Protein backbone atom coordinates (compact mmCIF):
# COMPACT_ATOMS: atom_id res chain seq x y z
CA MET A 1 0.06 -0.19 0.10
CA ALA A 2 1.50 3.52 -1.01
CA SER A 3 0.33 5.12 2.15
CA CYS A 4 2.48 2.85 4.60
CA LYS A 5 4.60 4.90 6.57
CA ILE A 6 7.75 4.33 8.47
CA GLY A 7 6.35 5.53 11.71
CA ASP A 8 3.38 3.00 11.38
CA MET A 9 5.55 -0.14 10.53
CA ASP A 10 4.92 -3.43 11.84
CA LYS A 11 5.49 -7.01 9.89
CA LEU A 12 1.99 -6.94 8.20
CA THR A 13 2.11 -3.44 6.77
CA PHE A 14 5.91 -4.01 5.67
CA THR A 15 4.81 -7.10 3.94
CA GLU A 16 1.98 -5.19 2.33
CA SER A 17 4.12 -2.44 0.95
CA TYR A 18 5.75 -4.85 -1.42
CA SER A 19 3.94 -5.17 -4.57
CA VAL A 20 5.90 -7.98 -5.73
CA ASN A 21 3.82 -10.22 -3.50
CA LYS A 22 1.15 -9.78 -5.50
CA HIS A 23 2.47 -11.04 -8.54
CA ARG A 24 5.25 -13.87 -7.17
CA ILE A 25 6.96 -15.48 -4.59
CA TRP A 26 10.48 -13.83 -4.52
CA LEU A 27 12.62 -16.55 -2.98
CA ASN A 28 15.88 -14.99 -4.50
CA ASN A 29 16.74 -12.54 -1.95
CA ALA A 30 20.47 -13.78 -1.75
CA GLY A 31 20.24 -12.61 -5.32
CA THR A 32 18.52 -9.26 -5.96
CA THR A 33 15.59 -7.69 -3.59
CA PRO A 34 12.55 -5.98 -5.29
CA VAL A 35 11.85 -2.35 -3.97
CA GLY A 36 8.97 -1.75 -1.58
CA ASP A 37 6.53 1.23 -1.58
CA ILE A 38 8.80 3.13 1.16
CA PRO A 39 11.79 3.49 -0.83
CA LYS A 40 9.78 4.07 -3.92
CA LYS A 41 7.97 6.95 -2.58
CA ALA A 42 11.31 8.15 -1.04
CA VAL A 43 12.76 8.39 -4.84
CA LEU A 44 9.53 10.01 -6.11
CA ASN A 45 9.53 12.54 -3.43
CA TYR A 46 13.10 13.56 -4.01
CA LEU A 47 12.55 13.84 -7.51
CA GLU A 48 9.84 16.33 -7.27
CA GLU A 49 11.81 18.26 -5.08
CA TYR A 50 14.85 17.79 -7.36
CA SER A 51 12.70 19.25 -10.18
CA GLN A 52 11.98 22.14 -8.31
CA TYR A 53 15.23 22.99 -6.31
CA SER A 54 17.80 21.07 -7.59
CA ILE A 55 20.33 20.30 -5.39
CA PHE A 56 18.92 22.31 -2.72
CA SER A 57 15.97 20.09 -2.30
CA PRO A 58 14.82 20.68 1.26
CA SER A 59 13.94 17.29 2.39
CA PHE A 60 17.15 15.72 1.27
CA SER A 61 20.43 17.18 2.31
CA TYR A 62 23.36 15.75 0.65
CA SER A 63 24.96 15.65 4.10
CA LYS A 64 22.45 14.79 6.36
CA ILE A 65 21.17 11.81 4.09
CA LYS A 66 24.99 10.39 3.63
CA ALA A 67 25.28 10.80 7.60
CA GLU A 68 22.23 8.88 8.21
CA LEU A 69 22.97 6.23 5.88
CA LEU A 70 26.10 5.66 7.37
CA ASP A 71 24.86 5.69 10.95
CA PHE A 72 22.56 2.86 9.76
CA LEU A 73 25.56 0.61 8.74
CA ALA A 74 27.52 1.38 11.56
CA GLU A 75 24.66 0.43 13.93
CA ILE A 76 24.20 -2.80 11.74
CA MET A 77 28.09 -3.59 11.86
CA GLU A 78 28.68 -2.14 15.34
CA VAL A 79 31.17 0.38 14.04
CA ASP A 80 32.38 4.00 13.79
CA SER A 81 30.71 5.45 10.66
CA LYS A 82 34.30 7.38 10.28
CA ASN A 83 35.32 3.80 9.17
CA LEU A 84 32.48 3.37 6.42
CA ALA A 85 32.16 4.69 2.87
CA LEU A 86 29.80 4.38 0.16
CA ILE A 87 30.90 2.75 -2.96
CA HIS A 88 29.02 0.73 -5.73
CA ASN A 89 29.56 -3.03 -5.09
CA THR A 90 31.67 -5.81 -3.64
CA SER A 91 33.88 -5.93 -6.32
CA GLU A 92 34.94 -2.39 -6.19
CA GLY A 93 35.44 -2.92 -2.50
CA MET A 94 37.70 -5.86 -3.04
CA ASN A 95 39.82 -4.19 -5.61
CA PHE A 96 40.31 -0.97 -3.46
CA LEU A 97 41.68 -3.74 -0.93
CA SER A 98 43.79 -5.92 -3.31
CA LYS A 99 45.11 -2.99 -5.29
CA GLY A 100 45.92 -1.03 -2.25
CA LEU A 101 48.16 -3.56 -0.23
CA HIS A 102 51.74 -3.87 -0.03
CA LEU A 103 52.42 -7.49 -0.71
CA LYS A 104 55.56 -9.31 -1.80
CA SER A 105 56.47 -12.74 -3.40
CA GLY A 106 56.15 -15.70 -1.04
CA ASP A 107 52.96 -14.00 0.38
CA LYS A 108 49.76 -15.96 0.84
CA ILE A 109 46.05 -14.92 0.00
CA PHE A 110 43.38 -17.60 1.46
CA LEU A 111 40.27 -17.75 -0.23
CA LEU A 112 37.29 -19.83 0.36
CA GLU A 113 36.77 -22.73 -2.69
CA ASN A 114 33.93 -21.41 -5.13
CA GLU A 115 33.59 -18.28 -3.67
CA TYR A 116 31.52 -15.57 -5.58
CA PRO A 117 33.80 -13.83 -8.52
CA SER A 118 33.83 -10.52 -6.61
CA ASN A 119 36.09 -12.54 -4.04
CA TYR A 120 37.95 -13.94 -6.39
CA TYR A 121 38.92 -11.72 -9.37
CA PRO A 122 40.45 -9.04 -7.55
CA TRP A 123 42.87 -11.21 -6.22
CA GLU A 124 44.16 -12.73 -9.30
CA HIS A 125 46.68 -10.07 -10.62
CA TRP A 126 48.91 -10.96 -7.39
CA GLN A 127 49.86 -14.41 -8.79
CA ARG A 128 51.70 -12.85 -11.47
CA LYS A 129 53.76 -11.12 -8.66
CA GLY A 130 54.53 -14.35 -7.04
CA VAL A 131 52.10 -14.01 -4.42
CA SER A 132 49.98 -17.57 -3.90
CA ILE A 133 46.35 -18.01 -4.12
CA ILE A 134 45.35 -20.88 -2.06
CA GLN A 135 41.71 -22.12 -1.71
CA ILE A 136 40.02 -23.74 1.18
CA PRO A 137 37.86 -26.56 0.50
CA MET A 138 34.19 -26.26 1.06
CA ALA A 139 32.68 -27.86 4.06
CA ASP A 140 29.53 -29.24 5.14
CA SER A 141 29.32 -27.50 8.50
CA PRO A 142 30.43 -24.39 10.50
CA SER A 143 33.07 -26.65 12.55
CA LEU A 144 34.42 -28.40 9.31
CA TYR A 145 35.22 -24.75 7.82
CA PHE A 146 36.63 -23.81 10.89
CA ASP A 147 39.05 -26.91 11.02
CA SER A 148 39.61 -26.70 7.35
CA ILE A 149 40.89 -22.97 7.66
CA LYS A 150 43.14 -23.52 10.63
CA GLN A 151 44.65 -26.69 8.77
CA ILE A 152 45.49 -25.15 5.39
CA ILE A 153 46.82 -21.77 6.81
CA SER A 154 48.90 -23.70 9.15
CA ASP A 155 50.18 -25.68 6.47
CA HIS A 156 51.14 -22.84 4.30
CA SER A 157 52.44 -20.23 6.75
CA GLU A 158 56.04 -19.27 6.64
CA PRO A 159 58.23 -17.22 8.39
CA ASN A 160 58.43 -13.26 7.13
CA CYS A 161 55.72 -13.74 4.97
CA ARG A 162 52.22 -12.11 5.29
CA SER A 163 48.81 -14.23 5.21
CA ILE A 164 45.52 -12.83 4.27
CA LEU A 165 42.31 -14.55 4.43
CA SER A 166 39.22 -13.29 2.62
CA LEU A 167 36.08 -14.90 2.95
CA SER A 168 32.29 -14.58 3.70
CA PRO A 169 30.61 -15.06 6.78
CA VAL A 170 27.92 -17.03 4.79
CA HIS A 171 28.62 -19.55 1.86
CA TRP A 172 26.43 -17.92 -1.21
CA CYS A 173 25.63 -21.01 -2.45
CA SER A 174 25.07 -23.59 0.52
CA GLY A 175 24.03 -20.78 3.29
CA ILE A 176 26.26 -22.35 5.71
CA PRO A 177 27.53 -19.88 7.97
CA LEU A 178 31.07 -19.66 9.10
CA PRO A 179 32.08 -19.38 12.87
CA MET A 180 33.55 -16.02 12.64
CA ASP A 181 34.25 -15.66 16.24
CA GLU A 182 36.44 -18.49 16.09
CA VAL A 183 38.04 -17.80 12.82
CA SER A 184 38.67 -14.37 13.67
CA GLU A 185 40.25 -15.30 17.12
CA PHE A 186 42.57 -17.71 15.00
CA CYS A 187 43.35 -14.65 12.49
CA LYS A 188 44.49 -12.53 15.56
CA GLU A 189 46.49 -15.29 16.97
CA GLU A 190 48.33 -15.93 13.73
CA GLY A 191 48.45 -12.41 12.85
CA VAL A 192 46.51 -12.94 9.52
CA TRP A 193 45.15 -10.02 7.95
CA LEU A 194 41.26 -10.56 7.80
CA ALA A 195 38.85 -9.17 4.95
CA ILE A 196 35.45 -9.92 4.56
CA ASP A 197 33.14 -10.18 1.62
CA GLY A 198 29.99 -9.04 3.04
CA ALA A 199 27.11 -9.23 0.51
CA GLN A 200 25.74 -12.19 1.85
CA GLY A 201 26.33 -11.56 5.34
CA LEU A 202 24.93 -7.96 6.23
CA GLY A 203 21.30 -7.97 7.18
CA ASN A 204 21.30 -11.93 7.04
CA VAL A 205 23.70 -12.78 9.76
CA LYS A 206 25.35 -11.05 12.73
CA VAL A 207 28.46 -9.18 10.81
CA THR A 208 30.85 -7.41 13.35
CA PRO A 209 34.31 -6.54 11.50
CA LYS A 210 35.69 -4.30 14.20
CA LYS A 211 34.92 -6.71 16.95
CA TRP A 212 36.45 -9.50 14.80
CA GLY A 213 39.46 -7.51 14.19
CA ALA A 214 38.93 -7.53 10.86
CA HIS A 215 40.68 -5.06 8.47
CA PHE A 216 38.56 -4.76 5.61
CA LEU A 217 34.77 -5.38 4.53
CA ALA A 218 33.26 -4.66 1.07
CA GLY A 219 29.08 -5.66 0.80
CA SER A 220 26.17 -4.70 -1.55
CA ALA A 221 23.30 -3.05 -1.10
CA TRP A 222 20.67 -5.13 -2.85
CA LYS A 223 20.61 -8.56 -1.06
CA TRP A 224 19.61 -8.53 2.76
CA LEU A 225 19.69 -4.67 3.10
CA LEU A 226 17.00 -4.00 0.73
CA GLY A 227 18.77 -1.41 -1.16
CA PRO A 228 19.16 -0.48 -4.96
CA LEU A 229 21.52 -2.58 -7.64
CA GLY A 230 24.95 -0.42 -7.69
CA LEU A 231 25.36 0.52 -4.22
CA GLY A 232 27.38 -0.76 -1.49
CA VAL A 233 29.46 -0.27 1.43
CA VAL A 234 33.16 -0.91 2.56
CA TYR A 235 34.44 -0.95 5.93
CA VAL A 236 38.31 -0.07 6.54
CA SER A 237 40.07 -0.40 9.79
CA ASP A 238 42.21 2.31 11.24
CA GLU A 239 45.18 -0.10 10.92
CA ALA A 240 44.19 -0.49 7.44
CA LEU A 241 43.69 3.39 6.78
CA GLU A 242 47.38 3.55 7.76
CA GLU A 243 48.46 0.93 5.41
CA LEU A 244 46.61 0.61 2.20
CA ASP A 245 47.30 3.19 -0.79
CA PRO A 246 43.92 4.42 -2.29
CA VAL A 247 43.23 3.55 -5.90
CA PHE A 248 41.80 6.26 -6.73
CA LYS A 249 42.10 9.98 -6.16
CA GLY A 250 39.34 12.53 -6.79
CA THR A 251 37.42 15.81 -5.61
CA GLN A 252 35.99 13.83 -2.73
CA SER A 253 39.14 11.81 -1.57
CA VAL A 254 40.93 14.92 0.09
CA PRO A 255 40.32 17.07 3.41
CA ASN A 256 38.16 20.18 2.77
CA ASP A 257 36.65 18.57 -0.42
CA LEU A 258 34.29 21.76 -0.93
CA GLU A 259 37.58 23.70 -1.19
CA TYR A 260 38.51 22.94 -4.70
CA LEU A 261 41.36 24.98 -5.00
CA PRO A 262 44.79 24.89 -4.09
CA TYR A 263 45.19 21.15 -5.12
CA LYS A 264 45.70 18.85 -1.93
CA THR A 265 48.12 16.05 -1.85
CA ALA A 266 47.19 14.38 1.28
CA PHE A 267 44.16 12.13 1.48
CA LYS A 268 41.04 12.21 4.13
CA ASN A 269 42.15 10.07 7.27
CA THR A 270 38.64 8.40 7.17
CA ALA A 271 37.15 5.66 4.99
CA ASP A 272 35.45 8.34 2.90
CA ARG A 273 38.28 8.93 1.12
CA TYR A 274 37.10 5.83 -1.31
CA GLU A 275 33.90 8.14 -2.15
CA PHE A 276 36.21 9.85 -4.52
CA SER A 277 33.59 11.55 -6.89
CA THR A 278 30.26 12.30 -7.44
CA PRO A 279 27.68 9.57 -6.54
CA SER A 280 24.26 8.58 -7.46
CA PHE A 281 22.47 10.50 -4.75
CA ILE A 282 19.17 9.06 -6.05
CA ASP A 283 20.28 5.69 -4.90
CA TRP A 284 21.66 6.79 -1.61
CA VAL A 285 17.79 8.10 -0.84
CA TYR A 286 16.41 4.51 -2.09
CA TRP A 287 18.84 2.84 0.35
CA HIS A 288 18.08 5.31 3.29
CA ALA A 289 14.52 4.98 3.13
CA SER A 290 15.03 0.75 3.12
CA LEU A 291 17.37 1.06 6.11
CA LYS A 292 15.10 3.22 8.30
CA ALA A 293 12.41 1.05 7.66
CA LEU A 294 14.41 -1.83 8.58
CA GLN A 295 15.60 0.03 11.63
CA THR A 296 12.06 0.80 12.87
CA LEU A 297 11.06 -2.94 12.46
CA GLY A 298 14.35 -3.69 14.54
CA PHE A 299 17.59 -4.64 12.63
CA GLN A 300 17.53 -7.96 14.73
CA TYR A 301 14.08 -8.46 14.57
CA VAL A 302 14.33 -8.52 10.69
CA GLN A 303 17.13 -11.16 10.90
CA ASP A 304 15.53 -13.16 13.48
CA SER A 305 12.42 -13.45 10.95
CA ILE A 306 14.55 -14.35 8.15
CA HIS A 307 16.16 -17.06 9.71
CA GLU A 308 12.71 -18.06 11.11
CA MET A 309 11.23 -18.40 7.82
CA ALA A 310 14.41 -19.91 6.43
CA ARG A 311 14.12 -22.95 9.25
CA TYR A 312 10.32 -23.24 8.30
CA LEU A 313 11.49 -24.08 4.64
CA CYS A 314 14.12 -26.39 6.20
CA VAL A 315 11.77 -28.37 8.39
CA GLY A 316 9.30 -28.34 5.46
CA VAL A 317 11.69 -30.02 2.99
CA GLU A 318 13.07 -32.67 5.10
CA SER A 319 9.16 -33.36 5.79
CA LEU A 320 9.16 -34.34 1.90
CA GLY A 321 12.29 -36.69 2.22
CA ILE A 322 14.33 -33.57 0.62
CA SER A 323 18.00 -33.44 1.59
CA HIS A 324 19.80 -29.76 1.41
CA SER A 325 23.13 -28.04 1.96
CA TRP A 326 22.82 -27.75 5.92
CA GLY A 327 22.61 -31.46 6.46
CA MET A 328 19.61 -33.28 7.61
CA GLY A 329 18.79 -32.44 11.21
CA ASN A 330 20.83 -29.28 11.28
CA ILE A 331 19.30 -25.87 11.79
CA TYR A 332 21.48 -22.65 11.02
CA ALA A 333 21.05 -19.24 11.82
CA THR A 334 21.32 -17.95 8.17
CA GLY A 335 18.99 -17.03 5.44
CA ILE A 336 20.01 -19.25 2.61
CA LEU A 337 19.09 -22.96 2.20
CA SER A 338 20.51 -24.96 -0.80
CA LEU A 339 18.12 -28.14 -1.77
CA ASP A 340 19.02 -31.10 -3.37
CA LEU A 341 16.62 -31.10 -6.29
CA ASN A 342 18.50 -31.89 -9.07
CA ASP A 343 18.97 -35.41 -11.36
CA LEU A 344 20.92 -37.19 -8.92
CA TYR A 345 17.76 -37.21 -6.88
CA THR A 346 14.74 -36.84 -8.72
CA ASP A 347 13.68 -37.04 -12.16
CA LYS A 348 14.22 -33.23 -12.83
CA SER A 349 17.46 -31.43 -13.18
CA SER A 350 18.10 -28.32 -11.26
CA VAL A 351 17.54 -25.98 -14.11
CA GLU A 352 14.18 -27.65 -14.85
CA TRP A 353 13.16 -27.26 -11.17
CA LYS A 354 14.12 -23.57 -11.53
CA SER A 355 11.99 -23.20 -14.49
CA LEU A 356 8.89 -25.25 -13.15
CA LEU A 357 9.14 -22.88 -10.09
CA TYR A 358 9.26 -19.95 -12.40
CA GLU A 359 6.14 -21.18 -14.16
CA ASN A 360 4.40 -21.14 -10.58
CA ASN A 361 5.48 -17.76 -9.85
CA ILE A 362 8.29 -18.53 -7.48
CA VAL A 363 11.45 -17.05 -8.20
CA VAL A 364 14.33 -18.82 -6.93
CA ALA A 365 18.29 -19.49 -7.84
CA GLU A 366 20.01 -22.40 -9.40
CA ARG A 367 23.67 -22.51 -7.87
CA MET A 368 26.18 -25.23 -7.76
CA ASN A 369 23.45 -28.32 -9.35
CA ARG A 370 20.90 -27.11 -6.30
CA ILE A 371 18.02 -24.74 -5.89
CA ARG A 372 18.92 -22.31 -3.55
CA VAL A 373 16.01 -20.41 -1.65
CA SER A 374 16.43 -17.36 0.61
CA PRO A 375 13.45 -15.66 1.93
CA HIS A 376 13.18 -12.11 3.42
CA ILE A 377 11.11 -10.20 6.27
CA TYR A 378 8.34 -8.87 3.59
CA LEU A 379 7.50 -12.56 2.92
CA ASN A 380 5.03 -14.76 5.07
CA GLN A 381 4.36 -18.17 6.07
CA ASN A 382 1.58 -18.63 3.44
CA GLN A 383 4.19 -18.00 0.97
CA MET A 384 6.46 -20.84 2.11
CA ASP A 385 3.53 -23.24 2.39
CA GLU A 386 2.98 -22.59 -1.32
CA PHE A 387 6.47 -23.28 -2.34
CA LEU A 388 6.22 -26.12 -0.42
CA ASN A 389 3.03 -27.26 -1.94
CA VAL A 390 4.32 -26.88 -5.56
CA VAL A 391 7.80 -28.88 -4.56
CA SER A 392 5.92 -31.57 -2.84
CA LYS A 393 3.55 -31.71 -6.03
CA ASN A 394 6.50 -32.33 -8.29
CA PHE A 395 8.67 -34.33 -6.46
CA LYS A 396 9.45 -37.76 -7.62
CA ARG A 397 12.56 -39.22 -6.04
CA LYS A 398 14.82 -40.84 -8.77
């Protein structure tokens, strides 16, 4: 309903504010999320004011929107907003990190096997400079992931060589969460630099880079945080700000950036040195409205609701005899569940299942020969039941 106001927000009105629910069941929130009425209305209001006042829009001050956006994100991550900057996507952020590091031949970069490309391609260039990229095998549980991380890093550590571990707190295909408290403690003990791909973590699981001692995080807006395509965030620790070379230098990279002349040699001593030029402010307005609505509901409440729906789906598919990435009988606190609906187990391939579900107005993703489902708070239990009903009607074990 277009009249939905943030001040009146509750779960029901939030669900009703998503028009997508009238047309389909969107179970691919780990991919992209649709837009709701609240950010849509905010953008329309901004455009109306911009048509009259241009950059002097009275309700959409550049500095106010930016400060509040960063405050929302700082609250979610439990960090200081001075360590955050608004960028375009995770790949861009990881390139800022990778291209800014000082590594030498013999140093090591550790990545999870089958990571999303945004946390692989930015590191490739180091191989030409004698730096090893070592992949940590996928695992079937958080504890097994931790064992594998410890073993692989310990086996390849060498004196006087730097190690970087860059990973996501939730695997983008399986939905298995990593035990980040334990991983981060191990990195602190071993002197390993920790970088976070936050795309699948932020808004889905608790992501606390400062507590973890992480040096860097990059994440996107358009998944669990209900933002627009083409907007993201980076966290840069104080230590990393001291060491990393900025990749770009632009008007907004320097202190007193509204004073254009004389030119300045120094960079800002805060993370917004990475906001090097004019942003897409309309995207800021969109994300600001979404995050404000999520904050009104309660960030933790939203996360818990996502997990509750994923657990409901987990129990539902197990009752049908369908195995999944979490392992039968396991219930994890994550919003991603990957189902073994493929031609090893059923009379259909995962691609055929994806098409069949889409024909029934249910949107999922096909990842690594499985069907990935990822609900969000704007969905409801009736929609989960409808998904389970369609699967049940078409499920034939091979």
